[in-house]
Amino acid sequence: MRFLPVSIVICILLGGCQRATLSVSEMREILHERNEKLSALFKEGNAEKLVTMYTDSAKLCPNGGYEIYIGKNAIKRFWSDALNGSELLDMKTQTLSIDGSGDYIYETGRTTTKTKYQDSVYTSEVKFANVWKKQSDGTYLLDVDIWNSIKH
């Protein structure tokens, strides 16, 4: 019986007895919610709101460019320029793989978008790898966001 009180004290000292890992279905549920929110913010076209989905030290590695945008200010500038003059009509994200732990979720997948620019509608498909980092409030934000166009 001496073991039980000692175990409780160790749990308390180590920051609680919470489970450190998430199941794949829990991670899938989190990513579904996060990707739905991203889609809504892209459709809104507001870079100021979109950047709230990123950590303060996030890294954005867009397709075809040399630059890596680090931090919310740089990422906001990128999205402000990228969203200028266009309207996202539709965005579908398909998560292909999920891995991680309680602090990070690693996601790969494909996203298809339909975007109106001037009088034309363009469809594009990208493959991506994202790293979502758990915040102190329990939410997950993008810490690494990288994508490349899929050429058919």
Protein backbone atom coordinates (compact mmCIF):
# COMPACT_ATOMS: atom_id res chain seq x y z
CA MET A 1 0.00 0.00 0.00
CA ARG A 2 2.99 2.32 0.39
CA PHE A 3 3.38 2.29 -3.41
CA LEU A 4 0.06 4.07 -4.15
CA PRO A 5 0.78 7.28 -2.15
CA VAL A 6 4.31 7.45 -3.58
CA SER A 7 2.88 7.07 -7.14
CA ILE A 8 0.42 9.90 -6.55
CA VAL A 9 3.17 12.19 -5.25
CA ILE A 10 5.39 11.38 -8.27
CA CYS A 11 2.50 12.10 -10.65
CA ILE A 12 1.84 15.45 -8.99
CA LEU A 13 5.52 16.42 -9.04
CA LEU A 14 5.88 15.50 -12.71
CA GLY A 15 2.97 17.70 -13.74
CA GLY A 16 0.03 15.38 -13.41
CA CYS A 17 -1.02 11.96 -14.55
CA GLN A 18 -2.40 13.05 -17.90
CA ARG A 19 -1.83 10.82 -20.87
CA ALA A 20 1.05 12.18 -22.98
CA THR A 21 0.01 10.72 -26.32
CA LEU A 22 -3.07 10.93 -28.50
CA SER A 23 -4.68 8.14 -30.48
CA VAL A 24 -4.78 8.40 -34.27
CA SER A 25 -8.54 8.97 -34.12
CA GLU A 26 -8.06 11.82 -31.61
CA MET A 27 -5.39 13.40 -33.83
CA ARG A 28 -7.64 12.93 -36.90
CA GLU A 29 -10.48 14.74 -35.09
CA ILE A 30 -8.19 17.63 -34.10
CA LEU A 31 -6.84 17.95 -37.66
CA HIS A 32 -10.32 17.85 -39.17
CA GLU A 33 -11.37 20.79 -36.96
CA ARG A 34 -8.14 22.71 -37.64
CA ASN A 35 -8.36 22.18 -41.42
CA GLU A 36 -12.03 23.23 -41.48
CA LYS A 37 -11.07 26.44 -39.66
CA LEU A 38 -8.18 27.05 -42.08
CA SER A 39 -10.52 26.62 -45.03
CA ALA A 40 -13.01 29.11 -43.57
CA LEU A 41 -10.25 31.66 -42.93
CA PHE A 42 -8.84 31.25 -46.46
CA LYS A 43 -12.32 31.80 -47.90
CA GLU A 44 -12.62 34.94 -45.77
CA GLY A 45 -9.36 36.16 -47.33
CA ASN A 46 -8.15 38.01 -44.23
CA ALA A 47 -4.42 37.45 -43.61
CA GLU A 48 -4.68 39.01 -40.14
CA LYS A 49 -7.12 36.30 -39.05
CA LEU A 50 -5.37 33.55 -41.00
CA VAL A 51 -2.08 34.10 -39.20
CA THR A 52 -3.80 33.26 -35.87
CA MET A 53 -3.57 29.62 -37.00
CA TYR A 54 0.26 29.76 -36.72
CA THR A 55 2.59 29.66 -33.72
CA ASP A 56 4.65 32.77 -32.99
CA SER A 57 7.77 31.07 -34.39
CA ALA A 58 6.08 29.20 -37.27
CA LYS A 59 7.91 28.40 -40.50
CA LEU A 60 6.11 28.73 -43.85
CA CYS A 61 7.75 27.10 -46.90
CA PRO A 62 5.58 27.88 -49.93
CA ASN A 63 5.75 26.18 -53.30
CA GLY A 64 8.29 27.39 -55.83
CA GLY A 65 9.99 29.99 -53.70
CA TYR A 66 13.41 30.27 -52.17
CA GLU A 67 12.33 32.14 -49.05
CA ILE A 68 11.24 30.53 -45.79
CA TYR A 69 8.91 32.84 -43.87
CA ILE A 70 9.58 32.68 -40.13
CA GLY A 71 7.25 34.17 -37.53
CA LYS A 72 3.75 35.58 -37.69
CA ASN A 73 4.70 38.95 -39.19
CA ALA A 74 6.53 37.40 -42.15
CA ILE A 75 3.76 34.84 -42.67
CA LYS A 76 1.11 37.57 -42.55
CA ARG A 77 2.99 39.54 -45.23
CA PHE A 78 3.16 36.42 -47.42
CA TRP A 79 -0.57 35.69 -47.12
CA SER A 80 -1.53 39.35 -47.59
CA ASP A 81 0.30 39.36 -50.92
CA ALA A 82 -0.92 35.89 -51.94
CA LEU A 83 -4.58 36.61 -51.17
CA ASN A 84 -4.61 40.07 -52.75
CA GLY A 85 -7.06 40.24 -55.65
CA SER A 86 -8.19 36.62 -55.45
CA GLU A 87 -11.18 34.84 -53.91
CA LEU A 88 -11.06 31.26 -52.67
CA LEU A 89 -14.22 29.52 -53.83
CA ASP A 90 -13.56 26.02 -52.53
CA MET A 91 -10.91 24.16 -50.55
CA LYS A 92 -10.81 20.44 -49.88
CA THR A 93 -8.11 18.94 -47.69
CA GLN A 94 -7.40 15.22 -47.60
CA THR A 95 -5.18 14.04 -44.76
CA LEU A 96 -3.14 11.03 -45.88
CA SER A 97 -0.98 10.32 -42.83
CA ILE A 98 -1.00 11.30 -39.18
CA ASP A 99 1.63 10.72 -36.53
CA GLY A 100 2.70 12.43 -33.37
CA SER A 101 2.34 12.67 -29.66
CA GLY A 102 0.60 14.94 -27.21
CA ASP A 103 2.74 17.97 -28.09
CA TYR A 104 3.05 17.64 -31.88
CA ILE A 105 0.92 16.24 -34.67
CA TYR A 106 2.57 15.48 -38.02
CA GLU A 107 0.24 15.55 -41.03
CA THR A 108 0.73 14.89 -44.72
CA GLY A 109 -1.92 15.19 -47.37
CA ARG A 110 -3.32 16.90 -50.44
CA THR A 111 -5.39 20.04 -50.85
CA THR A 112 -7.42 21.04 -53.88
CA THR A 113 -8.54 24.65 -54.28
CA LYS A 114 -10.70 26.59 -56.69
CA THR A 115 -9.76 30.25 -56.79
CA LYS A 116 -11.30 33.13 -58.66
CA TYR A 117 -8.79 35.65 -59.96
CA GLN A 118 -10.15 38.47 -62.10
CA ASP A 119 -12.70 36.76 -64.38
CA SER A 120 -11.21 33.26 -64.33
CA VAL A 121 -11.44 30.29 -61.97
CA TYR A 122 -8.29 28.25 -61.37
CA THR A 123 -8.05 24.80 -59.82
CA SER A 124 -4.84 23.76 -58.13
CA GLU A 125 -3.73 20.72 -56.20
CA VAL A 126 -0.86 20.59 -53.73
CA LYS A 127 0.75 18.02 -51.49
CA PHE A 128 1.70 19.20 -48.03
CA ALA A 129 3.45 18.36 -44.78
CA ASN A 130 2.36 20.18 -41.64
CA VAL A 131 3.55 20.14 -38.06
CA TRP A 132 0.91 21.20 -35.53
CA LYS A 133 2.17 22.24 -32.09
CA LYS A 134 0.06 22.05 -28.95
CA GLN A 135 -0.36 25.38 -27.16
CA SER A 136 -0.75 26.02 -23.43
CA ASP A 137 -4.52 26.39 -23.90
CA GLY A 138 -4.71 22.91 -25.48
CA THR A 139 -5.25 24.06 -29.08
CA TYR A 140 -2.94 23.11 -31.95
CA LEU A 141 -1.37 25.70 -34.24
CA LEU A 142 0.74 25.32 -37.36
CA ASP A 143 4.44 25.35 -36.52
CA VAL A 144 5.68 24.15 -39.93
CA ASP A 145 3.65 24.58 -43.14
CA ILE A 146 5.17 23.36 -46.40
CA TRP A 147 3.58 22.49 -49.75
CA ASN A 148 4.38 21.76 -53.39
CA SER A 149 2.20 21.81 -56.49
CA ILE A 150 1.13 18.51 -57.96
CA LYS A 151 1.67 18.47 -61.70
CA HIS A 152 -0.57 16.13 -63.67
